[in-house]
Protein backbone atom coordinates (compact mmCIF):
# COMPACT_ATOMS: atom_id res chain seq x y z
CA UNK A 1 21.51 7.18 -21.65
CA UNK A 2 19.10 4.94 -20.62
CA UNK A 3 20.87 2.28 -18.80
CA UNK A 4 21.24 5.89 -16.86
CA UNK A 5 18.49 6.59 -16.62
CA UNK A 6 16.93 3.47 -15.39
CA UNK A 7 19.21 3.38 -12.99
CA UNK A 8 18.87 7.03 -11.55
CA UNK A 9 14.86 5.69 -11.22
CA UNK A 10 15.81 2.40 -9.66
CA UNK A 11 17.55 4.17 -6.55
CA UNK A 12 15.57 7.36 -6.08
CA UNK A 13 12.61 3.90 -6.11
CA UNK A 14 14.41 2.95 -3.30
CA UNK A 15 15.66 6.02 -1.28
CA UNK A 16 11.70 6.74 -0.85
CA UNK A 17 10.28 3.70 -0.58
CA UNK A 18 13.22 3.54 2.90
CA UNK A 19 12.20 6.61 4.02
CA UNK A 20 8.54 5.09 4.42
CA UNK A 21 6.76 3.57 7.90
CA UNK A 22 6.75 0.03 8.10
CA UNK A 23 3.04 -0.01 9.55
CA UNK A 24 -0.19 3.17 8.86
CA UNK A 25 -0.79 4.48 11.51
CA UNK A 26 -4.67 4.78 11.63
CA UNK A 27 -6.97 3.07 9.26
CA UNK A 28 -7.84 4.90 5.70
CA UNK A 29 -11.43 4.97 4.62
CA UNK A 30 -12.34 5.97 0.63
CA UNK A 31 -15.55 6.33 -0.77
CA UNK A 32 -16.81 4.09 -3.62
CA UNK A 33 -19.11 5.84 -7.07
CA UNK A 34 -21.82 4.72 -4.76
CA UNK A 35 -20.72 6.61 -1.71
CA UNK A 36 -20.49 3.98 0.55
CA UNK A 37 -17.52 4.19 2.99
CA UNK A 38 -14.84 1.48 1.89
CA UNK A 39 -11.76 0.76 3.80
CA UNK A 40 -8.76 -1.03 3.66
CA UNK A 41 -6.45 -2.95 6.04
CA UNK A 42 -3.83 -2.38 7.58
CA UNK A 43 -2.48 -5.57 8.45
CA UNK A 44 -1.20 -6.92 5.14
CA UNK A 45 -0.30 -4.74 1.91
CA UNK A 46 -3.24 -3.62 -0.60
CA UNK A 47 -3.06 -2.33 -4.24
CA UNK A 48 -5.83 -0.14 -5.41
CA UNK A 49 -6.29 1.89 -7.99
CA UNK A 50 -7.69 5.56 -8.61
CA UNK A 51 -9.78 5.70 -11.84
CA UNK A 52 -11.76 8.90 -12.78
CA UNK A 53 -13.73 10.05 -15.26
CA UNK A 54 -14.32 13.90 -16.57
CA UNK A 55 -18.16 14.05 -18.02
């Protein structure tokens, strides 16, 4: 059962990743905790994390 679920997840990830574009159209700009704009580069892959807190 676990192998079947794992296989289904891998196939789903493969299909979803094949549907995407190779490069972004335009820049991605976010704001950090100090309200400063942070722009991500477009020419190389970028990994970023969103950490949210509810206080």
